[in-house]
Amino acid sequence: MNDNQHLNFNCNSLTISTLHNSNNMESIQITDSQQINTWKRIISSMTKEQIETRSLLVGMSEPTEENEVFQKLLTEEYLSRKNK
């Protein structure tokens, strides 16, 4: 198998895996509080500049409930650092 065939095989495997996972979402969903705690950990490891950039990107993204929560967490962390 040459490199091109290997890459195509991996891409196809990833697509199949993604489709399989999306069909089984009920079994792998996590709770809202787990998601928020994960986001808080990620945000706490970001620099102020990274938070600003991510906030801009989320603000330009589709306005979903998850994006609004993530934006709120970004803003809270940014303001807490700014006030220190």
C-alpha atoms as a PDB file:
ATOM      1  CA  MET A   1       0.000   0.000   0.000  1.00  0.00           C
ATOM      2  CA  ASN A   2       1.532   3.322  -1.028  1.00  0.00           C
ATOM      3  CA  ASP A   3       1.305   6.524   1.023  1.00  0.00           C
ATOM      4  CA  ASN A   4      -1.623   7.920  -0.962  1.00  0.00           C
ATOM      5  CA  GLN A   5      -3.657   4.725  -0.538  1.00  0.00           C
ATOM      6  CA  HIS A   6      -2.795   4.660   3.153  1.00  0.00           C
ATOM      7  CA  LEU A   7      -4.021   8.255   3.605  1.00  0.00           C
ATOM      8  CA  ASN A   8      -7.246   7.509   1.725  1.00  0.00           C
ATOM      9  CA  PHE A   9      -7.805   4.418   3.847  1.00  0.00           C
ATOM     10  CA  ASN A  10      -7.304   6.411   7.065  1.00  0.00           C
ATOM     11  CA  CYS A  11      -9.601   9.185   5.855  1.00  0.00           C
ATOM     12  CA  ASN A  12     -12.315   6.661   4.979  1.00  0.00           C
ATOM     13  CA  SER A  13     -11.904   4.942   8.350  1.00  0.00           C
ATOM     14  CA  LEU A  14     -12.259   8.280  10.132  1.00  0.00           C
ATOM     15  CA  THR A  15     -15.421   9.067   8.155  1.00  0.00           C
ATOM     16  CA  ILE A  16     -16.941   5.709   9.021  1.00  0.00           C
ATOM     17  CA  SER A  17     -15.978   6.133  12.667  1.00  0.00           C
ATOM     18  CA  THR A  18     -17.525   9.606  12.764  1.00  0.00           C
ATOM     19  CA  LEU A  19     -20.752   8.337  11.222  1.00  0.00           C
ATOM     20  CA  HIS A  20     -20.854   5.452  13.674  1.00  0.00           C
ATOM     21  CA  ASN A  21     -20.337   7.774  16.625  1.00  0.00           C
ATOM     22  CA  SER A  22     -23.004  10.213  15.452  1.00  0.00           C
ATOM     23  CA  ASN A  23     -25.487   7.334  15.252  1.00  0.00           C
ATOM     24  CA  ASN A  24     -24.699   6.380  18.846  1.00  0.00           C
ATOM     25  CA  MET A  25     -24.694   9.859  20.383  1.00  0.00           C
ATOM     26  CA  GLU A  26     -27.056   8.916  23.207  1.00  0.00           C
ATOM     27  CA  SER A  27     -24.501   6.476  24.567  1.00  0.00           C
ATOM     28  CA  ILE A  28     -21.598   8.953  24.593  1.00  0.00           C
ATOM     29  CA  GLN A  29     -23.226  12.244  25.578  1.00  0.00           C
ATOM     30  CA  ILE A  30     -21.873  13.902  28.668  1.00  0.00           C
ATOM     31  CA  THR A  31     -23.798  16.066  31.069  1.00  0.00           C
ATOM     32  CA  ASP A  32     -23.859  19.841  30.817  1.00  0.00           C
ATOM     33  CA  SER A  33     -21.930  20.244  34.067  1.00  0.00           C
ATOM     34  CA  GLN A  34     -19.180  17.915  32.820  1.00  0.00           C
ATOM     35  CA  GLN A  35     -18.972  19.932  29.601  1.00  0.00           C
ATOM     36  CA  ILE A  36     -18.797  23.223  31.476  1.00  0.00           C
ATOM     37  CA  ASN A  37     -16.109  21.904  33.821  1.00  0.00           C
ATOM     38  CA  THR A  38     -14.090  20.736  30.803  1.00  0.00           C
ATOM     39  CA  TRP A  39     -14.421  24.143  29.154  1.00  0.00           C
ATOM     40  CA  LYS A  40     -13.377  25.892  32.387  1.00  0.00           C
ATOM     41  CA  ARG A  41     -10.221  23.765  32.584  1.00  0.00           C
ATOM     42  CA  ILE A  42      -9.386  24.518  28.957  1.00  0.00           C
ATOM     43  CA  ILE A  43     -10.019  28.238  29.360  1.00  0.00           C
ATOM     44  CA  SER A  44      -7.968  28.418  32.564  1.00  0.00           C
ATOM     45  CA  SER A  45      -4.912  27.190  30.663  1.00  0.00           C
ATOM     46  CA  MET A  46      -5.268  29.837  27.931  1.00  0.00           C
ATOM     47  CA  THR A  47      -3.438  33.143  27.844  1.00  0.00           C
ATOM     48  CA  LYS A  48      -5.426  36.387  27.788  1.00  0.00           C
ATOM     49  CA  GLU A  49      -4.616  36.730  24.090  1.00  0.00           C
ATOM     50  CA  GLN A  50      -5.894  33.227  23.373  1.00  0.00           C
ATOM     51  CA  ILE A  51      -9.087  33.988  25.287  1.00  0.00           C
ATOM     52  CA  GLU A  52      -9.588  37.165  23.239  1.00  0.00           C
ATOM     53  CA  THR A  53      -9.049  35.279  19.982  1.00  0.00           C
ATOM     54  CA  ARG A  54     -11.342  32.413  20.965  1.00  0.00           C
ATOM     55  CA  SER A  55     -13.996  34.879  22.111  1.00  0.00           C
ATOM     56  CA  LEU A  56     -13.875  36.603  18.726  1.00  0.00           C
ATOM     57  CA  LEU A  57     -14.194  33.274  16.903  1.00  0.00           C
ATOM     58  CA  VAL A  58     -17.102  32.121  19.060  1.00  0.00           C
ATOM     59  CA  GLY A  59     -18.777  35.508  18.576  1.00  0.00           C
ATOM     60  CA  MET A  60     -18.551  35.040  14.806  1.00  0.00           C
ATOM     61  CA  SER A  61     -19.876  31.471  14.973  1.00  0.00           C
ATOM     62  CA  GLU A  62     -23.449  30.281  14.791  1.00  0.00           C
ATOM     63  CA  PRO A  63     -25.370  31.522  17.859  1.00  0.00           C
ATOM     64  CA  THR A  64     -26.156  28.271  19.653  1.00  0.00           C
ATOM     65  CA  GLU A  65     -26.828  27.654  23.329  1.00  0.00           C
ATOM     66  CA  GLU A  66     -23.418  25.968  23.701  1.00  0.00           C
ATOM     67  CA  ASN A  67     -21.642  28.900  22.060  1.00  0.00           C
ATOM     68  CA  GLU A  68     -23.409  31.340  24.387  1.00  0.00           C
ATOM     69  CA  VAL A  69     -22.323  29.360  27.461  1.00  0.00           C
ATOM     70  CA  PHE A  70     -18.756  29.077  26.169  1.00  0.00           C
ATOM     71  CA  GLN A  71     -18.677  32.809  25.410  1.00  0.00           C
ATOM     72  CA  LYS A  72     -19.901  33.571  28.942  1.00  0.00           C
ATOM     73  CA  LEU A  73     -17.149  31.393  30.434  1.00  0.00           C
ATOM     74  CA  LEU A  74     -14.533  33.094  28.262  1.00  0.00           C
ATOM     75  CA  THR A  75     -15.758  36.529  29.328  1.00  0.00           C
ATOM     76  CA  GLU A  76     -15.816  35.621  33.025  1.00  0.00           C
ATOM     77  CA  GLU A  77     -12.250  34.299  32.918  1.00  0.00           C
ATOM     78  CA  TYR A  78     -11.016  37.302  30.932  1.00  0.00           C
ATOM     79  CA  LEU A  79     -12.600  39.789  33.341  1.00  0.00           C
ATOM     80  CA  SER A  80     -11.294  37.969  36.407  1.00  0.00           C
ATOM     81  CA  ARG A  81      -7.752  38.153  35.015  1.00  0.00           C
ATOM     82  CA  LYS A  82      -8.170  41.768  33.963  1.00  0.00           C
ATOM     83  CA  ASN A  83      -9.235  42.767  37.480  1.00  0.00           C
ATOM     84  CA  LYS A  84      -6.173  41.148  39.103  1.00  0.00           C
END
